[in-house]
Amino acid sequence: MRVWSGNASTILAAERRRAAGTIHTSPAASENLQRPVLKNIAVHGSQEPVPVTFQNTDTVPEHQNCSLWLTGIPASANIRDLLSEVQGGKVVESKLYSAKGSFQGTRAAKITFSTPAGASRMLSFAIRNGFQVLGQRVIVTRNRNRRAPNELAVVHGHSRVLLVRGSPSQTHPNCILKLFAGNLRFQIDQMLHSFRRVPEEAELEIRFAYLQQATAAKSLLESNPDLGVTCCFGFDPCCKPWQLGG
């Protein structure tokens, strides 16, 4: 498994230097590239806020609210730090904000699940056991801006996780990010590039911050058959059940 970290421009520049033979990797660094866990990739296709459209909010009853509001997140935290702690259900939206007022110097976040059950599970766990990001206790409450269940996720099986399959070169992040950067506004939680048992076949797992970003990326890849890749939605790791100490 190959590992990349940094933003889109950093990854692309590093790969260009590697192709030109100007990057020399030490044995220790080579070992690090084979680690099975990919840490802290945050790739932004734009500096602008990513537009996300949900169902109406004012008319959503509280028992159908799928969204949570988090405060007291460490200022240094990124979307990977946040989502690595979230469990309980399929996430359709995750966004970090600069906190104001008494929480100045920290960050706030909005986490929206596909169903109210997912939000309830996370909220219940946080109340009983506490919720932490980077070792710091975070306050979790219901989001006043209510979000209804997401039809794409619940009925049609969409996910914020996209699996791209093809040859190792076709699924290389360098290739995929170039396409995305020119056509999408996106934020990535994590990317994992692995080789499958089938000869000359690889898989790139892309975990977006938003379900709608994964849906748009899937449509973009499918509209470019010359790329020679196939794609489908994958399992959201936030669906794993809550486990104390895990």
C-alpha atoms as a PDB file:
ATOM      1  CA  MET A   1       0.000   0.000   0.000  1.00  0.00           C
ATOM      2  CA  ARG A   2       1.341   3.428  -0.962  1.00  0.00           C
ATOM      3  CA  VAL A   3       0.934   6.406   1.336  1.00  0.00           C
ATOM      4  CA  TRP A   4       0.531  10.071   0.432  1.00  0.00           C
ATOM      5  CA  SER A   5       0.050  13.075   2.680  1.00  0.00           C
ATOM      6  CA  GLY A   6      -0.362  16.788   2.138  1.00  0.00           C
ATOM      7  CA  ASN A   7      -2.600  18.835  -0.120  1.00  0.00           C
ATOM      8  CA  ALA A   8      -3.257  18.262  -3.821  1.00  0.00           C
ATOM      9  CA  SER A   9      -0.516  20.582  -5.104  1.00  0.00           C
ATOM     10  CA  THR A  10       2.066  19.022  -2.773  1.00  0.00           C
ATOM     11  CA  ILE A  11       1.214  15.491  -3.885  1.00  0.00           C
ATOM     12  CA  LEU A  12       1.296  16.376  -7.576  1.00  0.00           C
ATOM     13  CA  ALA A  13       4.593  18.284  -7.259  1.00  0.00           C
ATOM     14  CA  ALA A  14       6.218  15.412  -5.366  1.00  0.00           C
ATOM     15  CA  GLU A  15       5.174  12.913  -8.000  1.00  0.00           C
ATOM     16  CA  ARG A  16       6.570  15.120 -10.776  1.00  0.00           C
ATOM     17  CA  ARG A  17       9.912  15.312  -8.961  1.00  0.00           C
ATOM     18  CA  ARG A  18       9.887  11.559  -8.402  1.00  0.00           C
ATOM     19  CA  ALA A  19       9.242  10.954 -12.102  1.00  0.00           C
ATOM     20  CA  ALA A  20      12.164  13.242 -12.946  1.00  0.00           C
ATOM     21  CA  GLY A  21      14.446  11.278 -10.636  1.00  0.00           C
ATOM     22  CA  THR A  22      15.007  14.122  -8.192  1.00  0.00           C
ATOM     23  CA  ILE A  23      13.522  12.381  -5.158  1.00  0.00           C
ATOM     24  CA  HIS A  24      15.687   9.886  -3.296  1.00  0.00           C
ATOM     25  CA  THR A  25      13.915   7.791  -0.694  1.00  0.00           C
ATOM     26  CA  SER A  26      15.825   6.466   2.285  1.00  0.00           C
ATOM     27  CA  PRO A  27      15.257   2.866   3.468  1.00  0.00           C
ATOM     28  CA  ALA A  28      13.379   4.182   6.498  1.00  0.00           C
ATOM     29  CA  ALA A  29      11.138   6.305   4.308  1.00  0.00           C
ATOM     30  CA  SER A  30      10.505   3.339   2.025  1.00  0.00           C
ATOM     31  CA  GLU A  31       9.329   1.332   5.010  1.00  0.00           C
ATOM     32  CA  ASN A  32       6.991   4.149   5.987  1.00  0.00           C
ATOM     33  CA  LEU A  33       5.435   4.099   2.525  1.00  0.00           C
ATOM     34  CA  GLN A  34       4.382   0.504   3.123  1.00  0.00           C
ATOM     35  CA  ARG A  35       2.560   1.133   6.381  1.00  0.00           C
ATOM     36  CA  PRO A  36      -1.028  -0.077   6.099  1.00  0.00           C
ATOM     37  CA  VAL A  37      -2.520   3.025   7.700  1.00  0.00           C
ATOM     38  CA  LEU A  38      -2.752   6.234   5.686  1.00  0.00           C
ATOM     39  CA  LYS A  39      -2.696   9.283   7.932  1.00  0.00           C
ATOM     40  CA  ASN A  40      -3.871  12.814   7.528  1.00  0.00           C
ATOM     41  CA  ILE A  41      -4.513  13.546   3.877  1.00  0.00           C
ATOM     42  CA  ALA A  42      -6.516  16.748   3.494  1.00  0.00           C
ATOM     43  CA  VAL A  43      -6.964  17.688  -0.145  1.00  0.00           C
ATOM     44  CA  HIS A  44      -8.928  20.780  -1.115  1.00  0.00           C
ATOM     45  CA  GLY A  45     -10.032  21.424  -4.680  1.00  0.00           C
ATOM     46  CA  SER A  46     -10.938  24.993  -3.779  1.00  0.00           C
ATOM     47  CA  GLN A  47     -10.407  27.528  -1.031  1.00  0.00           C
ATOM     48  CA  GLU A  48     -14.142  28.349  -1.222  1.00  0.00           C
ATOM     49  CA  PRO A  49     -16.718  26.654   1.022  1.00  0.00           C
ATOM     50  CA  VAL A  50     -18.083  23.521  -0.591  1.00  0.00           C
ATOM     51  CA  PRO A  51     -21.779  23.965  -1.470  1.00  0.00           C
ATOM     52  CA  VAL A  52     -23.980  21.238  -0.021  1.00  0.00           C
ATOM     53  CA  THR A  53     -27.737  20.996  -0.515  1.00  0.00           C
ATOM     54  CA  PHE A  54     -29.931  19.127   1.947  1.00  0.00           C
ATOM     55  CA  GLN A  55     -33.657  18.799   2.373  1.00  0.00           C
ATOM     56  CA  ASN A  56     -35.566  21.613   4.080  1.00  0.00           C
ATOM     57  CA  THR A  57     -34.448  22.334   7.634  1.00  0.00           C
ATOM     58  CA  ASP A  58     -37.212  24.376   9.276  1.00  0.00           C
ATOM     59  CA  THR A  59     -39.842  21.696   8.755  1.00  0.00           C
ATOM     60  CA  VAL A  60     -37.717  18.755   9.952  1.00  0.00           C
ATOM     61  CA  PRO A  61     -39.077  17.481  13.296  1.00  0.00           C
ATOM     62  CA  GLU A  62     -36.516  17.096  16.074  1.00  0.00           C
ATOM     63  CA  HIS A  63     -36.853  13.305  16.154  1.00  0.00           C
ATOM     64  CA  GLN A  64     -35.832  13.222  12.466  1.00  0.00           C
ATOM     65  CA  ASN A  65     -32.818  15.508  12.901  1.00  0.00           C
ATOM     66  CA  CYS A  66     -29.666  13.781  11.596  1.00  0.00           C
ATOM     67  CA  SER A  67     -27.183  16.547  12.395  1.00  0.00           C
ATOM     68  CA  LEU A  68     -24.933  17.219  15.399  1.00  0.00           C
ATOM     69  CA  TRP A  69     -22.969  20.303  16.470  1.00  0.00           C
ATOM     70  CA  LEU A  70     -19.538  19.900  18.091  1.00  0.00           C
ATOM     71  CA  THR A  71     -17.631  22.591  20.009  1.00  0.00           C
ATOM     72  CA  GLY A  72     -14.285  22.749  21.792  1.00  0.00           C
ATOM     73  CA  ILE A  73     -12.335  20.960  19.056  1.00  0.00           C
ATOM     74  CA  PRO A  74      -8.580  21.702  19.146  1.00  0.00           C
ATOM     75  CA  ALA A  75      -7.614  24.507  16.766  1.00  0.00           C
ATOM     76  CA  SER A  76      -5.009  22.284  15.093  1.00  0.00           C
ATOM     77  CA  ALA A  77      -7.530  19.551  14.209  1.00  0.00           C
ATOM     78  CA  ASN A  78      -8.373  18.810  10.593  1.00  0.00           C
ATOM     79  CA  ILE A  79     -11.173  16.808   9.007  1.00  0.00           C
ATOM     80  CA  ARG A  80      -9.164  13.555   9.293  1.00  0.00           C
ATOM     81  CA  ASP A  81      -8.656  14.077  13.025  1.00  0.00           C
ATOM     82  CA  LEU A  82     -12.395  14.607  13.425  1.00  0.00           C
ATOM     83  CA  LEU A  83     -13.729  11.768  11.268  1.00  0.00           C
ATOM     84  CA  SER A  84     -11.280   9.243  12.683  1.00  0.00           C
ATOM     85  CA  GLU A  85     -13.181   9.559  15.987  1.00  0.00           C
ATOM     86  CA  VAL A  86     -16.721   9.499  14.580  1.00  0.00           C
ATOM     87  CA  GLN A  87     -18.701   6.252  14.710  1.00  0.00           C
ATOM     88  CA  GLY A  88     -22.318   5.189  14.796  1.00  0.00           C
ATOM     89  CA  GLY A  89     -23.533   5.598  11.229  1.00  0.00           C
ATOM     90  CA  LYS A  90     -22.959   6.698   7.647  1.00  0.00           C
ATOM     91  CA  VAL A  91     -21.757  10.326   7.478  1.00  0.00           C
ATOM     92  CA  VAL A  92     -23.104  12.530   4.687  1.00  0.00           C
ATOM     93  CA  GLU A  93     -21.587  15.854   5.744  1.00  0.00           C
ATOM     94  CA  SER A  94     -18.617  16.902   7.874  1.00  0.00           C
ATOM     95  CA  LYS A  95     -17.373  20.458   8.163  1.00  0.00           C
ATOM     96  CA  LEU A  96     -15.038  22.350  10.499  1.00  0.00           C
ATOM     97  CA  TYR A  97     -15.522  25.982  11.509  1.00  0.00           C
ATOM     98  CA  SER A  98     -13.589  28.579  13.481  1.00  0.00           C
ATOM     99  CA  ALA A  99     -15.267  28.867  16.875  1.00  0.00           C
ATOM    100  CA  LYS A 100     -16.418  32.181  18.344  1.00  0.00           C
ATOM    101  CA  GLY A 101     -17.291  33.562  21.759  1.00  0.00           C
ATOM    102  CA  SER A 102     -16.314  31.483  24.778  1.00  0.00           C
ATOM    103  CA  PHE A 103     -14.891  28.793  22.482  1.00  0.00           C
ATOM    104  CA  GLN A 104     -12.516  31.184  20.691  1.00  0.00           C
ATOM    105  CA  GLY A 105      -9.187  29.498  20.009  1.00  0.00           C
ATOM    106  CA  THR A 106     -10.879  26.188  19.279  1.00  0.00           C
ATOM    107  CA  ARG A 107     -12.945  24.898  16.376  1.00  0.00           C
ATOM    108  CA  ALA A 108     -16.533  23.832  15.907  1.00  0.00           C
ATOM    109  CA  ALA A 109     -17.875  21.190  13.549  1.00  0.00           C
ATOM    110  CA  LYS A 110     -21.049  19.940  11.969  1.00  0.00           C
ATOM    111  CA  ILE A 111     -21.514  16.195  11.512  1.00  0.00           C
ATOM    112  CA  THR A 112     -24.585  15.011   9.616  1.00  0.00           C
ATOM    113  CA  PHE A 113     -25.512  11.340   9.450  1.00  0.00           C
ATOM    114  CA  SER A 114     -27.711   9.640   6.868  1.00  0.00           C
ATOM    115  CA  THR A 115     -30.329   8.768   9.502  1.00  0.00           C
ATOM    116  CA  PRO A 116     -31.408  10.157  12.893  1.00  0.00           C
ATOM    117  CA  ALA A 117     -30.395   6.828  14.460  1.00  0.00           C
ATOM    118  CA  GLY A 118     -26.743   7.475  13.582  1.00  0.00           C
ATOM    119  CA  ALA A 119     -26.837  10.922  15.175  1.00  0.00           C
ATOM    120  CA  SER A 120     -28.571   9.526  18.266  1.00  0.00           C
ATOM    121  CA  ARG A 121     -25.950   6.799  18.681  1.00  0.00           C
ATOM    122  CA  MET A 122     -23.083   9.279  18.573  1.00  0.00           C
ATOM    123  CA  LEU A 123     -24.836  11.732  20.891  1.00  0.00           C
ATOM    124  CA  SER A 124     -25.681   8.998  23.411  1.00  0.00           C
ATOM    125  CA  PHE A 125     -22.108   7.734  23.400  1.00  0.00           C
ATOM    126  CA  ALA A 126     -20.738  11.251  23.910  1.00  0.00           C
ATOM    127  CA  ILE A 127     -23.081  11.849  26.857  1.00  0.00           C
ATOM    128  CA  ARG A 128     -22.242   8.542  28.542  1.00  0.00           C
ATOM    129  CA  ASN A 129     -18.545   8.219  27.800  1.00  0.00           C
ATOM    130  CA  GLY A 130     -17.322  11.557  26.458  1.00  0.00           C
ATOM    131  CA  PHE A 131     -16.093  12.352  22.951  1.00  0.00           C
ATOM    132  CA  GLN A 132     -12.523  13.443  22.241  1.00  0.00           C
ATOM    133  CA  VAL A 133     -10.589  14.819  19.280  1.00  0.00           C
ATOM    134  CA  LEU A 134      -6.785  14.819  19.575  1.00  0.00           C
ATOM    135  CA  GLY A 135      -7.206  13.905  23.229  1.00  0.00           C
ATOM    136  CA  GLN A 136      -9.340  16.947  24.051  1.00  0.00           C
ATOM    137  CA  ARG A 137     -12.909  16.646  25.345  1.00  0.00           C
ATOM    138  CA  VAL A 138     -15.465  17.913  22.826  1.00  0.00           C
ATOM    139  CA  ILE A 139     -19.052  18.980  23.525  1.00  0.00           C
ATOM    140  CA  VAL A 140     -21.639  17.242  21.316  1.00  0.00           C
ATOM    141  CA  THR A 141     -25.207  18.560  20.958  1.00  0.00           C
ATOM    142  CA  ARG A 142     -28.069  18.430  18.470  1.00  0.00           C
ATOM    143  CA  ASN A 143     -27.581  20.861  15.599  1.00  0.00           C
ATOM    144  CA  ARG A 144     -30.201  23.626  15.657  1.00  0.00           C
ATOM    145  CA  ASN A 145     -30.045  23.647  11.843  1.00  0.00           C
ATOM    146  CA  ARG A 146     -31.853  20.368  11.396  1.00  0.00           C
ATOM    147  CA  ARG A 147     -31.125  17.937   8.582  1.00  0.00           C
ATOM    148  CA  ALA A 148     -33.550  15.312   7.322  1.00  0.00           C
ATOM    149  CA  PRO A 149     -32.550  11.728   6.435  1.00  0.00           C
ATOM    150  CA  ASN A 150     -30.540  11.592   3.217  1.00  0.00           C
ATOM    151  CA  GLU A 151     -32.410   9.734   0.473  1.00  0.00           C
ATOM    152  CA  LEU A 152     -29.306   9.072  -1.631  1.00  0.00           C
ATOM    153  CA  ALA A 153     -27.615   7.324   1.286  1.00  0.00           C
ATOM    154  CA  VAL A 154     -30.631   5.536   2.748  1.00  0.00           C
ATOM    155  CA  VAL A 155     -32.497   4.456  -0.405  1.00  0.00           C
ATOM    156  CA  HIS A 156     -29.861   4.399  -3.141  1.00  0.00           C
ATOM    157  CA  GLY A 157     -26.812   3.271  -1.164  1.00  0.00           C
ATOM    158  CA  HIS A 158     -24.624   6.305  -1.838  1.00  0.00           C
ATOM    159  CA  SER A 159     -21.633   6.872   0.431  1.00  0.00           C
ATOM    160  CA  ARG A 160     -18.921   9.462   1.002  1.00  0.00           C
ATOM    161  CA  VAL A 161     -16.446   6.651   0.218  1.00  0.00           C
ATOM    162  CA  LEU A 162     -15.620   6.012  -3.438  1.00  0.00           C
ATOM    163  CA  LEU A 163     -13.704   2.953  -4.679  1.00  0.00           C
ATOM    164  CA  VAL A 164     -11.839   3.445  -7.974  1.00  0.00           C
ATOM    165  CA  ARG A 165     -10.473   0.321  -9.661  1.00  0.00           C
ATOM    166  CA  GLY A 166      -8.146  -0.104 -12.600  1.00  0.00           C
ATOM    167  CA  SER A 167      -4.453  -0.512 -13.301  1.00  0.00           C
ATOM    168  CA  PRO A 168      -1.935   0.878 -10.776  1.00  0.00           C
ATOM    169  CA  SER A 169      -1.198   3.823 -13.067  1.00  0.00           C
ATOM    170  CA  GLN A 170      -4.861   4.551 -13.827  1.00  0.00           C
ATOM    171  CA  THR A 171      -5.805   4.613 -10.145  1.00  0.00           C
ATOM    172  CA  HIS A 172      -2.736   6.538  -8.989  1.00  0.00           C
ATOM    173  CA  PRO A 173      -3.747   9.559  -6.849  1.00  0.00           C
ATOM    174  CA  ASN A 174      -1.633  11.756  -9.129  1.00  0.00           C
ATOM    175  CA  CYS A 175      -3.913  10.909 -12.060  1.00  0.00           C
ATOM    176  CA  ILE A 176      -7.208  11.045 -10.178  1.00  0.00           C
ATOM    177  CA  LEU A 177      -6.435  14.295  -8.329  1.00  0.00           C
ATOM    178  CA  LYS A 178      -5.548  16.061 -11.579  1.00  0.00           C
ATOM    179  CA  LEU A 179      -8.986  15.224 -12.953  1.00  0.00           C
ATOM    180  CA  PHE A 180     -10.782  16.223  -9.762  1.00  0.00           C
ATOM    181  CA  ALA A 181      -8.869  19.485  -9.303  1.00  0.00           C
ATOM    182  CA  GLY A 182      -9.958  20.726 -12.725  1.00  0.00           C
ATOM    183  CA  ASN A 183     -13.614  19.778 -12.392  1.00  0.00           C
ATOM    184  CA  LEU A 184     -14.735  19.524  -8.752  1.00  0.00           C
ATOM    185  CA  ARG A 185     -14.757  21.392  -5.462  1.00  0.00           C
ATOM    186  CA  PHE A 186     -13.904  18.829  -2.848  1.00  0.00           C
ATOM    187  CA  GLN A 187     -12.276  17.969   0.451  1.00  0.00           C
ATOM    188  CA  ILE A 188     -10.768  14.582   1.194  1.00  0.00           C
ATOM    189  CA  ASP A 189     -10.643  12.857   4.540  1.00  0.00           C
ATOM    190  CA  GLN A 190      -8.308  10.022   3.537  1.00  0.00           C
ATOM    191  CA  MET A 191      -6.945   8.139   0.505  1.00  0.00           C
ATOM    192  CA  LEU A 192      -5.658   4.556   0.413  1.00  0.00           C
ATOM    193  CA  HIS A 193      -4.047   3.009  -2.678  1.00  0.00           C
ATOM    194  CA  SER A 194      -3.740  -0.771  -2.595  1.00  0.00           C
ATOM    195  CA  PHE A 195      -2.996  -3.580  -5.032  1.00  0.00           C
ATOM    196  CA  ARG A 196      -5.536  -6.346  -5.531  1.00  0.00           C
ATOM    197  CA  ARG A 197      -4.920 -10.045  -6.055  1.00  0.00           C
ATOM    198  CA  VAL A 198      -5.874  -9.768  -9.703  1.00  0.00           C
ATOM    199  CA  PRO A 199      -2.681  -9.055 -11.704  1.00  0.00           C
ATOM    200  CA  GLU A 200      -2.217  -5.443 -12.691  1.00  0.00           C
ATOM    201  CA  GLU A 201      -5.286  -4.272 -10.806  1.00  0.00           C
ATOM    202  CA  ALA A 202      -5.287  -1.684  -8.048  1.00  0.00           C
ATOM    203  CA  GLU A 203      -7.878   0.101  -5.952  1.00  0.00           C
ATOM    204  CA  LEU A 204      -7.925   3.688  -4.752  1.00  0.00           C
ATOM    205  CA  GLU A 205     -10.252   4.270  -1.800  1.00  0.00           C
ATOM    206  CA  ILE A 206     -11.213   7.928  -1.510  1.00  0.00           C
ATOM    207  CA  ARG A 207     -13.010   9.084   1.624  1.00  0.00           C
ATOM    208  CA  PHE A 208     -14.577  12.475   1.007  1.00  0.00           C
ATOM    209  CA  ALA A 209     -15.811  14.908   3.638  1.00  0.00           C
ATOM    210  CA  TYR A 210     -19.229  15.010   1.965  1.00  0.00           C
ATOM    211  CA  LEU A 211     -21.393  12.352   0.349  1.00  0.00           C
ATOM    212  CA  GLN A 212     -22.321  14.764  -2.450  1.00  0.00           C
ATOM    213  CA  GLN A 213     -18.641  15.156  -3.332  1.00  0.00           C
ATOM    214  CA  ALA A 214     -18.300  11.384  -3.767  1.00  0.00           C
ATOM    215  CA  THR A 215     -21.446  11.329  -5.908  1.00  0.00           C
ATOM    216  CA  ALA A 216     -20.098  14.112  -8.131  1.00  0.00           C
ATOM    217  CA  ALA A 217     -16.696  12.397  -8.397  1.00  0.00           C
ATOM    218  CA  LYS A 218     -18.343   9.109  -9.401  1.00  0.00           C
ATOM    219  CA  SER A 219     -20.345  10.856 -12.125  1.00  0.00           C
ATOM    220  CA  LEU A 220     -17.193  12.576 -13.378  1.00  0.00           C
ATOM    221  CA  LEU A 221     -15.232   9.316 -13.601  1.00  0.00           C
ATOM    222  CA  GLU A 222     -18.111   7.504 -15.296  1.00  0.00           C
ATOM    223  CA  SER A 223     -18.413  10.292 -17.870  1.00  0.00           C
ATOM    224  CA  ASN A 224     -14.756   9.741 -18.843  1.00  0.00           C
ATOM    225  CA  PRO A 225     -14.620   6.085 -20.025  1.00  0.00           C
ATOM    226  CA  ASP A 226     -11.230   6.667 -21.656  1.00  0.00           C
ATOM    227  CA  LEU A 227      -9.722   6.703 -18.162  1.00  0.00           C
ATOM    228  CA  GLY A 228     -10.180   2.930 -18.068  1.00  0.00           C
ATOM    229  CA  VAL A 229     -11.369   2.798 -14.454  1.00  0.00           C
ATOM    230  CA  THR A 230     -14.522   1.568 -12.760  1.00  0.00           C
ATOM    231  CA  CYS A 231     -15.946   2.981  -9.558  1.00  0.00           C
ATOM    232  CA  CYS A 232     -18.542   2.242  -6.919  1.00  0.00           C
ATOM    233  CA  PHE A 233     -19.478   3.444  -3.460  1.00  0.00           C
ATOM    234  CA  GLY A 234     -17.676   1.815  -0.544  1.00  0.00           C
ATOM    235  CA  PHE A 235     -18.188   1.192   3.155  1.00  0.00           C
ATOM    236  CA  ASP A 236     -18.038   4.256   5.379  1.00  0.00           C
ATOM    237  CA  PRO A 237     -15.724   3.439   8.333  1.00  0.00           C
ATOM    238  CA  CYS A 238     -17.861   5.748  10.498  1.00  0.00           C
ATOM    239  CA  CYS A 239     -20.540   3.013  10.357  1.00  0.00           C
ATOM    240  CA  LYS A 240     -18.534   0.811  12.705  1.00  0.00           C
ATOM    241  CA  PRO A 241     -20.139   0.371  16.141  1.00  0.00           C
ATOM    242  CA  TRP A 242     -18.923   2.305  19.149  1.00  0.00           C
ATOM    243  CA  GLN A 243     -16.305   0.537  21.215  1.00  0.00           C
ATOM    244  CA  LEU A 244     -14.804   1.832  24.423  1.00  0.00           C
ATOM    245  CA  GLY A 245     -11.090   2.343  24.018  1.00  0.00           C
ATOM    246  CA  GLY A 246     -11.272   1.626  20.301  1.00  0.00           C
END
